[in-house]
Amino acid sequence: MRILEYSRNLGSSSHEPVVPITVFVAILCLCLVIGHLLEDNRWLNESIAAIFIGFIAGTVILLISKGKNSHILRFNEELFFIYLLPPIIFNAGFQVKKKHFFQNFLTIMLFGVAGVFISTSIITAGSWLLFSMLNIVDLTVRDYLAIGAIFSATDTVCTLQVLHQEETPLLYSLVFGEGVVNDATSVVLFNAIQKIDVNKLDGWALASVLLDFLYLFSTSTALGVGVGLLTSFILRVLYFGRHSTVREIALMVLMAYLSYMLAELFNLSGILTVFLCGVLMSHYAWHNVTEGSRITTRHMFATLSFIAETFIFVYVGMDALDIEKWRTSNLSVWKSATASAIVLLVTLVGRAAFVFPLSALSNCMNRNRTRSSSITLKHQVIICWAGLMRGAVSIALAFNQFTFYGITVDPTHATMVTITIIVVLFSTIVFGFLTKPLVCYLLPCHHGSNIDQEPSISNNSNLDREPSISKDDDVRLPLLSFEESAATNILRAKDSLSMLIERPVYIVHSYWRRFDDAYMRPIFGGSHCQRHESPR
């Protein structure tokens, strides 16, 4: 984290590092207070309030520094990816309601993986065709592909602040799940694009991008699952709570961060790794600690995530007044606004191009008992709208591609950074303003009797418990049995395969539940295999 020279204006030279950090912490505290006061506001939410406060603070700093700069701290993409992003993504995996997430897993993967590829292709092609009209011609093929990945990364925070997990579980799980998978996919794709040889761009080069993506995705998944299971096993076998609850909490925190840093060390996707680590720890490790540690970890991870998100939004507001980038850019204000409008347009087209077709495909695949309701047209509109907002991941990727530690002297690169900031600000503020009224208009009766209403799960020892499989399904689930004749096994296999084809998500989920209860929970712990605390 770098402290800018103009921070001397905010205090004596002997306290240079302390003063700007103190000011920033005070701004974060102000955001908490104002966010609380705006809790029931129809238009504003905490994200928009944090941006406005950052903008006002940037204006004040700009006046104090006599127009030199608007920052207290200089943004560094390494600061973002190493310190701010891990608690946000880990908390998302740790707090997710796994029942709803995995019941809609196929749809979430369609939106979060296939959707990113479709969106990236459309944004890349649209930018390449339209930027030349504004005399933006110094971008390479890798830059255009990176732009597609940068603006495919969504920020669903504003929508999630309006939706409620208990009232609209299907819609919430789709928006939430797609947001996390989308960010992971965008970062993995962005990293794969950096390896392209632009001098030999052919079918094999594109195939190599896909292969790199599959490699990064699979290895990151394996690493996250491995660290999560290892942590769960250690906590179950050693049972730190007998002597100290501090140690078991510290182990969960450090192992979660270790998973992210290992992924970054091996050039994998830290986002995907730490998210899956959070899911695994919530499913197994959380049940192996004492009751006090469970309450502490839930609130601690949520608090760290909240502070990191607020920090990012405040900085985005300050960065809007970065005079250096505006001066370096070779576009006028009008052309910058036009270029930003082009990006928003192709982003909207790219978003709609996959949400509606993939929703129809999902409804077709889940036409039976895989979930309680289909994705209605109103749901599709909300999902499409939720993905129009861009946030910190887009800014971090843009800084990574077009700056060197937050500084750029190339006019075209400075232009792309300012366009990214404009798109993030406009989409977050304008679309964020309209999110709550839109959701209330499309789902006027979602408080109580929504079609995708499901029983809520309370934060107690039954947090992760799900409905058991019916006896009818329990009889059909095994494909083969050594106690039956060959003819019986063949008939059983045919019935099971036909059920798998008709209800793939439901059958896979059922098999996983049986495997989890029979083999995983006895080894790694879980809601049905909790270690009882000592009365001492």
Protein backbone atom coordinates (compact mmCIF):
# COMPACT_ATOMS: atom_id res chain seq x y z
CA MET A 1 0.00 0.00 0.00
CA ARG A 2 1.58 3.23 -1.11
CA ILE A 3 1.08 6.59 0.60
CA LEU A 4 0.99 9.52 -1.82
CA GLU A 5 3.22 12.54 -1.35
CA TYR A 6 0.32 14.95 -1.02
CA SER A 7 -0.66 13.28 2.26
CA ARG A 8 1.82 15.69 3.88
CA ASN A 9 -0.92 18.25 3.57
CA LEU A 10 -3.02 16.22 5.99
CA GLY A 11 -0.53 16.19 8.86
CA SER A 12 3.04 16.53 10.02
CA SER A 13 5.79 14.68 8.23
CA SER A 14 6.53 12.52 11.27
CA HIS A 15 3.06 11.00 11.06
CA GLU A 16 2.75 10.67 7.28
CA PRO A 17 1.76 6.99 7.20
CA VAL A 18 -0.61 7.32 10.16
CA VAL A 19 -2.68 10.33 9.10
CA PRO A 20 -4.08 9.06 5.76
CA ILE A 21 -4.90 5.65 7.22
CA THR A 22 -6.65 7.34 10.16
CA VAL A 23 -8.67 9.48 7.75
CA PHE A 24 -9.64 6.44 5.68
CA VAL A 25 -10.73 4.49 8.76
CA ALA A 26 -12.83 7.48 9.86
CA ILE A 27 -14.46 7.52 6.40
CA LEU A 28 -15.26 3.80 6.73
CA CYS A 29 -16.88 4.45 10.12
CA LEU A 30 -18.97 7.21 8.56
CA CYS A 31 -20.08 4.77 5.85
CA LEU A 32 -21.29 2.32 8.51
CA VAL A 33 -23.37 4.99 10.23
CA ILE A 34 -24.91 6.35 7.03
CA GLY A 35 -25.51 2.84 5.71
CA HIS A 36 -27.47 2.04 8.87
CA LEU A 37 -29.57 5.19 8.51
CA LEU A 38 -30.34 4.28 4.87
CA GLU A 39 -31.34 0.70 5.66
CA ASP A 40 -35.01 1.24 4.77
CA ASN A 41 -34.44 3.73 1.97
CA ARG A 42 -36.22 2.84 -1.27
CA TRP A 43 -33.49 4.09 -3.60
CA LEU A 44 -30.14 4.12 -1.80
CA ASN A 45 -28.13 1.21 -0.43
CA GLU A 46 -24.80 0.92 1.37
CA SER A 47 -22.77 0.43 -1.82
CA ILE A 48 -24.05 3.62 -3.43
CA ALA A 49 -23.70 5.53 -0.14
CA ALA A 50 -20.05 4.40 0.14
CA ILE A 51 -19.33 5.59 -3.42
CA PHE A 52 -20.90 9.00 -2.73
CA ILE A 53 -18.94 9.36 0.51
CA GLY A 54 -15.74 8.42 -1.33
CA PHE A 55 -16.55 10.98 -4.02
CA ILE A 56 -17.12 13.72 -1.43
CA ALA A 57 -13.94 12.76 0.46
CA GLY A 58 -12.01 12.79 -2.82
CA THR A 59 -13.32 16.27 -3.57
CA VAL A 60 -12.19 17.54 -0.17
CA ILE A 61 -8.74 15.95 -0.57
CA LEU A 62 -8.49 17.40 -4.08
CA LEU A 63 -9.11 20.89 -2.67
CA ILE A 64 -6.66 20.41 0.19
CA SER A 65 -3.95 19.15 -2.17
CA LYS A 66 -4.65 22.11 -4.51
CA GLY A 67 -5.72 19.93 -7.41
CA LYS A 68 -2.81 17.50 -7.28
CA ASN A 69 -4.74 14.33 -6.47
CA SER A 70 -7.87 12.94 -4.84
CA HIS A 71 -6.44 9.87 -3.11
CA ILE A 72 -5.29 9.13 0.37
CA LEU A 73 -3.95 5.72 -0.66
CA ARG A 74 -2.94 4.62 -4.15
CA PHE A 75 -4.81 1.61 -5.50
CA ASN A 76 -2.67 -1.43 -6.16
CA GLU A 77 -4.20 -4.48 -7.83
CA GLU A 78 -1.98 -6.68 -5.64
CA LEU A 79 -3.43 -5.00 -2.55
CA PHE A 80 -6.90 -5.79 -3.88
CA PHE A 81 -6.25 -9.41 -4.86
CA ILE A 82 -4.14 -10.33 -1.81
CA TYR A 83 -5.84 -8.47 1.06
CA LEU A 84 -9.34 -7.29 0.11
CA LEU A 85 -10.75 -9.96 -2.19
CA PRO A 86 -10.02 -13.15 -0.14
CA PRO A 87 -12.30 -12.30 2.85
CA ILE A 88 -15.12 -11.29 0.50
CA ILE A 89 -15.03 -14.48 -1.56
CA PHE A 90 -14.38 -16.79 1.40
CA ASN A 91 -17.34 -15.34 3.30
CA ALA A 92 -19.52 -15.86 0.21
CA GLY A 93 -18.68 -19.57 0.26
CA PHE A 94 -18.87 -19.84 4.03
CA GLN A 95 -22.30 -18.20 4.32
CA VAL A 96 -23.93 -19.73 1.22
CA LYS A 97 -26.95 -21.95 1.74
CA LYS A 98 -25.54 -25.06 0.16
CA LYS A 99 -28.90 -26.75 -0.32
CA HIS A 100 -30.15 -24.03 -2.67
CA PHE A 101 -26.73 -23.50 -4.25
CA PHE A 102 -26.16 -27.12 -5.24
CA GLN A 103 -29.77 -27.77 -6.22
CA ASN A 104 -29.30 -25.01 -8.82
CA PHE A 105 -25.64 -25.81 -9.46
CA LEU A 106 -26.06 -26.67 -13.14
CA THR A 107 -27.90 -23.41 -13.86
CA ILE A 108 -25.34 -21.40 -11.88
CA MET A 109 -22.50 -22.99 -13.86
CA LEU A 110 -24.32 -22.25 -17.13
CA PHE A 111 -24.63 -18.57 -16.20
CA GLY A 112 -21.23 -18.25 -14.50
CA VAL A 113 -19.05 -20.17 -17.00
CA ALA A 114 -20.79 -20.46 -20.38
CA GLY A 115 -22.28 -16.99 -19.89
CA VAL A 116 -18.86 -15.43 -19.35
CA PHE A 117 -17.53 -16.91 -22.59
CA ILE A 118 -20.56 -15.63 -24.52
CA SER A 119 -20.37 -12.19 -22.91
CA THR A 120 -16.60 -11.93 -23.43
CA SER A 121 -16.95 -12.79 -27.11
CA ILE A 122 -19.66 -10.17 -27.70
CA ILE A 123 -17.90 -7.42 -25.70
CA THR A 124 -14.60 -8.12 -27.46
CA ALA A 125 -16.18 -8.05 -30.93
CA GLY A 126 -18.30 -4.97 -30.17
CA SER A 127 -15.36 -3.02 -28.73
CA TRP A 128 -13.14 -3.91 -31.68
CA LEU A 129 -15.77 -2.74 -34.16
CA LEU A 130 -16.88 0.45 -32.38
CA PHE A 131 -13.74 1.81 -30.70
CA SER A 132 -12.17 2.58 -34.07
CA MET A 133 -14.95 5.14 -34.60
CA LEU A 134 -13.54 7.12 -31.65
CA ASN A 135 -9.94 6.87 -32.84
CA ILE A 136 -9.00 4.31 -30.15
CA VAL A 137 -6.65 2.33 -32.38
CA ASP A 138 -3.58 1.55 -30.25
CA LEU A 139 -5.04 -1.52 -28.55
CA THR A 140 -3.67 -4.98 -29.31
CA VAL A 141 -5.64 -8.18 -29.83
CA ARG A 142 -4.77 -9.20 -26.27
CA ASP A 143 -6.09 -5.86 -25.01
CA TYR A 144 -9.45 -6.38 -26.74
CA LEU A 145 -9.75 -9.91 -25.38
CA ALA A 146 -8.83 -8.59 -21.92
CA ILE A 147 -11.51 -5.89 -22.25
CA GLY A 148 -14.05 -8.64 -22.88
CA ALA A 149 -13.02 -10.44 -19.69
CA ILE A 150 -12.80 -7.20 -17.67
CA PHE A 151 -16.35 -6.12 -18.44
CA SER A 152 -17.76 -9.64 -18.11
CA ALA A 153 -17.01 -9.59 -14.37
CA THR A 154 -20.24 -8.64 -12.62
CA ASP A 155 -20.99 -7.10 -9.22
CA THR A 156 -24.30 -8.33 -7.81
CA VAL A 157 -23.95 -6.68 -4.38
CA CYS A 158 -26.68 -4.08 -4.97
CA THR A 159 -29.20 -6.71 -6.07
CA LEU A 160 -28.32 -9.10 -3.24
CA GLN A 161 -28.90 -6.30 -0.73
CA VAL A 162 -32.49 -6.09 -1.98
CA LEU A 163 -33.27 -9.79 -2.36
CA HIS A 164 -33.78 -11.99 0.69
CA GLN A 165 -32.48 -15.53 0.88
CA GLU A 166 -35.44 -16.82 2.87
CA GLU A 167 -38.14 -15.17 0.74
CA THR A 168 -36.81 -15.86 -2.78
CA PRO A 169 -34.33 -18.73 -2.36
CA LEU A 170 -34.29 -19.74 -6.03
CA LEU A 171 -33.68 -16.23 -7.35
CA TYR A 172 -31.21 -15.38 -4.59
CA SER A 173 -29.18 -18.56 -5.11
CA LEU A 174 -28.99 -17.95 -8.87
CA VAL A 175 -27.92 -14.30 -8.54
CA PHE A 176 -25.51 -15.03 -5.69
CA GLY A 177 -24.03 -18.20 -7.18
CA GLU A 178 -23.62 -16.72 -10.63
CA GLY A 179 -21.92 -13.64 -9.18
CA VAL A 180 -19.22 -15.69 -7.44
CA VAL A 181 -18.66 -18.17 -10.29
CA ASN A 182 -18.70 -15.28 -12.77
CA ASP A 183 -15.91 -13.45 -10.94
CA ALA A 184 -13.82 -16.61 -10.70
CA THR A 185 -14.36 -17.44 -14.36
CA SER A 186 -13.57 -13.90 -15.49
CA VAL A 187 -10.29 -13.84 -13.56
CA VAL A 188 -9.30 -17.32 -14.79
CA LEU A 189 -10.14 -16.35 -18.38
CA PHE A 190 -8.26 -13.06 -17.99
CA ASN A 191 -5.17 -14.94 -16.81
CA ALA A 192 -5.47 -17.41 -19.69
CA ILE A 193 -5.68 -14.52 -22.18
CA GLN A 194 -2.34 -13.18 -20.90
CA LYS A 195 -0.66 -16.34 -22.22
CA ILE A 196 -1.90 -15.89 -25.80
CA ASP A 197 0.73 -15.39 -28.49
CA VAL A 198 -0.91 -12.59 -30.49
CA ASN A 199 1.50 -13.19 -33.37
CA LYS A 200 0.11 -16.69 -33.89
CA LEU A 201 -3.58 -16.16 -33.33
CA ASP A 202 -5.39 -19.09 -34.91
CA GLY A 203 -7.73 -21.90 -33.98
CA TRP A 204 -5.06 -23.62 -31.91
CA ALA A 205 -4.40 -20.42 -29.95
CA LEU A 206 -8.09 -20.19 -29.01
CA ALA A 207 -8.10 -23.89 -28.16
CA SER A 208 -5.07 -23.34 -25.91
CA VAL A 209 -7.00 -20.60 -24.07
CA LEU A 210 -9.82 -23.06 -23.45
CA LEU A 211 -7.38 -25.75 -22.30
CA ASP A 212 -5.63 -23.30 -19.96
CA PHE A 213 -9.01 -22.29 -18.60
CA LEU A 214 -10.04 -25.91 -17.95
CA TYR A 215 -6.68 -26.62 -16.31
CA LEU A 216 -6.89 -23.57 -14.03
CA PHE A 217 -10.53 -24.26 -13.19
CA SER A 218 -9.99 -27.94 -12.30
CA THR A 219 -6.76 -27.49 -10.36
CA SER A 220 -8.14 -24.52 -8.42
CA THR A 221 -11.21 -26.57 -7.54
CA ALA A 222 -9.06 -29.49 -6.36
CA LEU A 223 -6.88 -27.20 -4.24
CA GLY A 224 -9.85 -25.50 -2.57
CA VAL A 225 -11.55 -28.81 -1.82
CA GLY A 226 -8.30 -30.32 -0.55
CA VAL A 227 -7.52 -27.50 1.89
CA GLY A 228 -11.12 -27.42 3.12
CA LEU A 229 -11.14 -31.16 3.77
CA LEU A 230 -7.70 -31.07 5.42
CA THR A 231 -8.83 -28.33 7.80
CA SER A 232 -12.00 -30.24 8.63
CA PHE A 233 -10.04 -33.44 9.31
CA ILE A 234 -7.52 -31.67 11.57
CA LEU A 235 -10.27 -29.99 13.60
CA ARG A 236 -12.22 -33.24 13.94
CA VAL A 237 -9.27 -35.40 14.98
CA LEU A 238 -7.36 -32.98 17.22
CA TYR A 239 -10.40 -31.12 18.63
CA PHE A 240 -8.69 -27.86 19.59
CA GLY A 241 -11.76 -26.76 21.54
CA ARG A 242 -10.78 -28.94 24.50
CA HIS A 243 -8.10 -26.43 25.43
CA SER A 244 -8.59 -23.23 23.42
CA THR A 245 -11.27 -21.93 21.09
CA VAL A 246 -8.81 -19.31 19.87
CA ARG A 247 -6.65 -21.95 18.19
CA GLU A 248 -9.49 -23.52 16.23
CA ILE A 249 -10.71 -20.13 15.01
CA ALA A 250 -7.16 -19.11 14.09
CA LEU A 251 -6.67 -22.38 12.21
CA MET A 252 -9.80 -21.82 10.12
CA VAL A 253 -8.76 -18.24 9.29
CA LEU A 254 -5.16 -19.12 8.42
CA MET A 255 -6.04 -22.23 6.39
CA ALA A 256 -8.59 -20.25 4.41
CA TYR A 257 -6.00 -17.59 3.61
CA LEU A 258 -3.40 -20.27 2.92
CA SER A 259 -5.65 -21.80 0.25
CA TYR A 260 -5.86 -18.47 -1.54
CA MET A 261 -2.12 -17.76 -1.32
CA LEU A 262 -1.23 -21.28 -2.52
CA ALA A 263 -3.47 -20.75 -5.54
CA GLU A 264 -1.76 -17.44 -6.29
CA LEU A 265 1.67 -19.03 -5.73
CA PHE A 266 0.94 -21.74 -8.32
CA ASN A 267 -0.72 -19.23 -10.71
CA LEU A 268 -4.19 -20.72 -10.20
CA SER A 269 -7.51 -19.00 -9.47
CA GLY A 270 -7.45 -17.83 -5.86
CA ILE A 271 -11.09 -16.74 -6.09
CA LEU A 272 -12.37 -20.20 -7.00
CA THR A 273 -10.04 -21.90 -4.53
CA VAL A 274 -10.99 -19.80 -1.50
CA PHE A 275 -14.70 -19.92 -2.38
CA LEU A 276 -14.75 -23.72 -2.46
CA CYS A 277 -12.59 -23.80 0.66
CA GLY A 278 -15.27 -21.69 2.37
CA VAL A 279 -18.03 -24.04 1.18
CA LEU A 280 -16.15 -27.11 2.47
CA MET A 281 -15.31 -25.49 5.81
CA SER A 282 -18.93 -24.47 6.28
CA HIS A 283 -20.12 -27.98 5.42
CA TYR A 284 -17.63 -29.92 7.56
CA ALA A 285 -15.15 -27.89 9.64
CA TRP A 286 -17.74 -25.55 11.15
CA HIS A 287 -19.44 -28.52 12.86
CA ASN A 288 -16.16 -29.68 14.41
CA VAL A 289 -15.63 -26.58 16.56
CA THR A 290 -17.29 -25.44 19.77
CA GLU A 291 -20.58 -23.57 19.79
CA GLY A 292 -18.85 -20.33 20.73
CA SER A 293 -16.42 -20.68 17.84
CA ARG A 294 -19.30 -21.26 15.42
CA ILE A 295 -20.94 -17.99 16.40
CA THR A 296 -17.61 -16.15 16.34
CA THR A 297 -16.53 -17.40 12.91
CA ARG A 298 -19.89 -16.59 11.32
CA HIS A 299 -19.82 -12.99 12.50
CA MET A 300 -16.07 -12.50 12.07
CA PHE A 301 -15.97 -13.62 8.42
CA ALA A 302 -19.06 -11.54 7.60
CA THR A 303 -17.53 -8.48 9.29
CA LEU A 304 -14.21 -8.76 7.43
CA SER A 305 -16.07 -9.15 4.14
CA PHE A 306 -18.25 -6.13 4.85
CA ILE A 307 -15.28 -3.90 5.72
CA ALA A 308 -13.40 -4.97 2.58
CA GLU A 309 -16.42 -4.28 0.35
CA THR A 310 -16.94 -0.85 1.91
CA PHE A 311 -13.24 -0.03 1.48
CA ILE A 312 -13.45 -0.87 -2.23
CA PHE A 313 -16.56 1.22 -2.90
CA VAL A 314 -15.11 4.21 -1.04
CA TYR A 315 -11.96 4.02 -3.12
CA VAL A 316 -13.98 3.76 -6.36
CA GLY A 317 -15.67 7.04 -5.42
CA MET A 318 -12.30 8.69 -4.78
CA ASP A 319 -10.80 7.33 -7.98
CA ALA A 320 -13.43 9.13 -10.07
CA LEU A 321 -11.49 12.36 -9.38
CA ASP A 322 -8.05 11.02 -10.30
CA ILE A 323 -6.70 14.03 -12.20
CA GLU A 324 -3.58 12.21 -13.40
CA LYS A 325 -5.51 9.64 -15.44
CA TRP A 326 -7.90 12.21 -16.88
CA ARG A 327 -4.97 14.38 -17.99
CA THR A 328 -3.09 11.41 -19.48
CA SER A 329 -6.09 10.22 -21.48
CA ASN A 330 -6.11 11.45 -25.08
CA LEU A 331 -9.92 11.54 -25.36
CA SER A 332 -12.18 14.48 -24.67
CA VAL A 333 -14.90 14.25 -22.05
CA TRP A 334 -17.51 13.74 -24.77
CA LYS A 335 -15.57 10.92 -26.45
CA SER A 336 -14.87 9.28 -23.07
CA ALA A 337 -18.59 9.34 -22.31
CA THR A 338 -19.34 7.91 -25.77
CA ALA A 339 -16.79 5.12 -25.33
CA SER A 340 -18.29 4.32 -21.92
CA ALA A 341 -21.76 4.23 -23.48
CA ILE A 342 -20.46 1.80 -26.10
CA VAL A 343 -19.08 -0.48 -23.39
CA LEU A 344 -22.38 -0.34 -21.50
CA LEU A 345 -24.28 -1.14 -24.70
CA VAL A 346 -22.18 -4.17 -25.65
CA THR A 347 -22.25 -5.29 -22.01
CA LEU A 348 -26.06 -5.18 -22.04
CA VAL A 349 -26.19 -7.09 -25.34
CA GLY A 350 -23.70 -9.65 -24.06
CA ARG A 351 -25.69 -10.07 -20.85
CA ALA A 352 -29.05 -10.54 -22.55
CA ALA A 353 -27.50 -12.86 -25.16
CA PHE A 354 -26.96 -15.60 -22.60
CA VAL A 355 -29.37 -14.98 -19.71
CA PHE A 356 -32.59 -15.58 -21.61
CA PRO A 357 -31.46 -18.52 -23.81
CA LEU A 358 -29.65 -20.27 -20.94
CA SER A 359 -32.66 -19.72 -18.66
CA ALA A 360 -34.85 -21.49 -21.22
CA LEU A 361 -32.30 -24.30 -21.45
CA SER A 362 -32.18 -24.57 -17.64
CA ASN A 363 -35.98 -24.73 -17.41
CA CYS A 364 -35.93 -27.50 -20.00
CA MET A 365 -33.30 -29.51 -18.11
CA ASN A 366 -35.08 -28.99 -14.77
CA ARG A 367 -38.62 -29.57 -15.96
CA ASN A 368 -39.20 -32.32 -13.40
CA ARG A 369 -38.55 -32.45 -9.66
CA THR A 370 -35.08 -30.98 -9.62
CA ARG A 371 -36.40 -27.76 -8.10
CA SER A 372 -39.69 -26.34 -6.93
CA SER A 373 -40.19 -23.77 -9.71
CA SER A 374 -38.88 -22.61 -13.06
CA ILE A 375 -37.04 -19.39 -13.84
CA THR A 376 -39.89 -17.08 -14.80
CA LEU A 377 -39.56 -14.15 -17.19
CA LYS A 378 -39.58 -11.75 -14.23
CA HIS A 379 -36.76 -13.72 -12.63
CA GLN A 380 -34.80 -13.59 -15.88
CA VAL A 381 -35.18 -9.81 -16.05
CA ILE A 382 -33.88 -9.45 -12.48
CA ILE A 383 -30.97 -11.83 -13.17
CA CYS A 384 -30.10 -9.89 -16.32
CA TRP A 385 -30.33 -6.58 -14.45
CA ALA A 386 -28.23 -7.85 -11.53
CA GLY A 387 -25.38 -8.67 -13.91
CA LEU A 388 -25.27 -5.22 -15.51
CA MET A 389 -23.40 -3.64 -12.61
CA ARG A 390 -19.62 -3.70 -12.62
CA GLY A 391 -17.42 -3.40 -9.55
CA ALA A 392 -14.05 -3.93 -7.94
CA VAL A 393 -13.03 -7.00 -9.96
CA SER A 394 -13.42 -5.05 -13.22
CA ILE A 395 -11.35 -2.17 -11.83
CA ALA A 396 -8.64 -4.50 -10.52
CA LEU A 397 -8.38 -6.33 -13.85
CA ALA A 398 -8.27 -3.02 -15.74
CA PHE A 399 -5.46 -1.76 -13.48
CA ASN A 400 -3.66 -5.05 -14.01
CA GLN A 401 -3.93 -4.80 -17.81
CA PHE A 402 -3.43 -1.08 -18.39
CA THR A 403 -1.32 0.26 -15.49
CA PHE A 404 1.87 -0.49 -13.61
CA TYR A 405 1.11 -0.36 -9.89
CA GLY A 406 -1.73 2.07 -10.55
CA ILE A 407 0.32 4.40 -12.79
CA THR A 408 0.17 4.68 -16.57
CA VAL A 409 1.80 7.07 -19.02
CA ASP A 410 0.23 5.61 -22.15
CA PRO A 411 -2.75 7.77 -23.25
CA THR A 412 -4.76 4.83 -24.64
CA HIS A 413 -4.23 2.78 -21.50
CA ALA A 414 -5.20 5.75 -19.35
CA THR A 415 -8.33 6.07 -21.48
CA MET A 416 -9.29 2.45 -20.84
CA VAL A 417 -8.82 2.92 -17.08
CA THR A 418 -11.02 6.03 -17.05
CA ILE A 419 -13.65 4.24 -19.17
CA THR A 420 -13.66 1.38 -16.67
CA ILE A 421 -14.13 3.81 -13.77
CA ILE A 422 -16.98 5.60 -15.59
CA VAL A 423 -18.72 2.29 -16.37
CA VAL A 424 -18.36 1.08 -12.77
CA LEU A 425 -19.64 4.36 -11.31
CA PHE A 426 -22.54 4.72 -13.74
CA SER A 427 -23.67 1.10 -13.50
CA THR A 428 -23.38 0.98 -9.72
CA ILE A 429 -25.06 4.33 -9.03
CA VAL A 430 -27.71 4.51 -11.77
CA PHE A 431 -28.55 0.81 -12.01
CA GLY A 432 -28.14 0.48 -8.25
CA PHE A 433 -30.63 3.33 -7.70
CA LEU A 434 -33.19 1.51 -9.84
CA THR A 435 -32.60 -1.99 -8.47
CA LYS A 436 -34.85 -1.83 -5.43
CA PRO A 437 -37.83 -0.25 -7.25
CA LEU A 438 -37.42 -2.76 -10.10
CA VAL A 439 -37.39 -5.77 -7.76
CA CYS A 440 -40.37 -4.41 -5.80
CA TYR A 441 -42.27 -3.85 -9.08
CA LEU A 442 -41.53 -7.27 -10.55
CA LEU A 443 -41.95 -9.18 -7.27
CA PRO A 444 -44.60 -7.19 -5.38
CA CYS A 445 -45.73 -10.18 -3.32
CA HIS A 446 -42.36 -11.73 -2.62
CA HIS A 447 -42.83 -11.12 1.11
CA GLY A 448 -44.48 -14.36 2.03
CA SER A 449 -46.01 -16.23 -0.87
CA ASN A 450 -43.50 -16.37 -3.67
CA ILE A 451 -43.65 -19.46 -5.85
CA ASP A 452 -40.09 -20.39 -5.01
CA GLN A 453 -40.67 -20.08 -1.26
CA GLU A 454 -38.90 -22.77 0.73
CA PRO A 455 -38.52 -23.37 4.46
CA SER A 456 -35.84 -21.16 5.94
CA ILE A 457 -32.85 -22.68 7.68
CA SER A 458 -31.94 -21.21 11.04
CA ASN A 459 -28.43 -20.63 12.32
CA ASN A 460 -28.28 -23.50 14.75
CA SER A 461 -26.99 -27.04 14.72
CA ASN A 462 -29.48 -27.92 11.99
CA LEU A 463 -28.19 -25.18 9.70
CA ASP A 464 -26.97 -27.55 7.06
CA ARG A 465 -29.58 -30.28 7.40
CA GLU A 466 -31.55 -31.07 4.26
CA PRO A 467 -34.60 -33.21 3.58
CA SER A 468 -33.75 -36.88 3.45
CA ILE A 469 -34.30 -38.96 0.33
CA SER A 470 -37.62 -40.74 0.18
CA LYS A 471 -37.83 -44.51 0.52
CA ASP A 472 -38.91 -44.83 -3.09
CA ASP A 473 -35.80 -43.04 -4.29
CA ASP A 474 -33.66 -44.87 -1.75
CA VAL A 475 -34.62 -48.20 -3.33
CA ARG A 476 -33.80 -47.06 -6.83
CA LEU A 477 -30.55 -45.26 -6.20
CA PRO A 478 -28.01 -48.14 -6.30
CA LEU A 479 -27.08 -49.03 -9.86
CA LEU A 480 -25.75 -52.51 -9.01
CA SER A 481 -26.05 -54.91 -6.09
CA PHE A 482 -24.01 -58.07 -5.57
CA GLU A 483 -26.92 -59.64 -3.68
CA GLU A 484 -29.21 -59.51 -6.72
CA SER A 485 -29.23 -61.57 -9.90
CA ALA A 486 -27.76 -60.28 -13.16
CA ALA A 487 -31.21 -59.73 -14.67
CA THR A 488 -32.31 -57.71 -11.64
CA ASN A 489 -29.16 -55.60 -11.80
CA ILE A 490 -29.73 -54.89 -15.50
CA LEU A 491 -33.30 -53.76 -14.83
CA ARG A 492 -32.14 -51.68 -11.88
CA ALA A 493 -29.43 -50.06 -14.01
CA LYS A 494 -31.93 -49.25 -16.78
CA ASP A 495 -34.33 -47.65 -14.29
CA SER A 496 -31.55 -45.64 -12.65
CA LEU A 497 -30.13 -44.46 -15.98
CA SER A 498 -33.57 -43.42 -17.20
CA MET A 499 -34.06 -41.43 -13.98
CA LEU A 500 -30.61 -39.88 -14.45
CA ILE A 501 -31.55 -38.76 -17.96
CA GLU A 502 -34.95 -37.42 -16.89
CA ARG A 503 -33.81 -35.77 -13.65
CA PRO A 504 -30.01 -35.39 -13.81
CA VAL A 505 -29.55 -32.74 -11.12
CA TYR A 506 -31.91 -34.44 -8.68
CA ILE A 507 -30.32 -37.87 -9.11
CA VAL A 508 -26.74 -36.60 -8.85
CA HIS A 509 -27.70 -34.63 -5.74
CA SER A 510 -29.33 -37.74 -4.25
CA TYR A 511 -26.26 -39.87 -4.90
CA TRP A 512 -24.03 -37.21 -3.36
CA ARG A 513 -26.20 -37.01 -0.23
CA ARG A 514 -25.92 -40.76 0.30
CA PHE A 515 -22.15 -40.76 -0.31
CA ASP A 516 -21.70 -37.74 1.96
CA ASP A 517 -23.65 -39.29 4.84
CA ALA A 518 -22.01 -42.70 4.47
CA TYR A 519 -18.36 -41.79 3.91
CA MET A 520 -17.53 -38.07 4.11
CA ARG A 521 -19.23 -36.93 7.32
CA PRO A 522 -17.84 -39.76 9.50
CA ILE A 523 -14.31 -38.73 8.45
CA PHE A 524 -14.52 -34.95 8.11
CA GLY A 525 -17.48 -34.13 10.38
CA GLY A 526 -20.82 -32.53 9.66
CA SER A 527 -24.24 -31.72 11.02
CA HIS A 528 -25.05 -35.39 11.60
CA CYS A 529 -21.64 -36.30 13.07
CA GLN A 530 -20.91 -33.47 15.46
CA ARG A 531 -18.44 -33.98 18.25
CA HIS A 532 -20.16 -33.32 21.59
CA GLU A 533 -18.48 -30.73 23.73
CA SER A 534 -17.01 -31.78 27.04
CA PRO A 535 -19.07 -30.66 30.04
CA ARG A 536 -15.84 -29.25 31.40
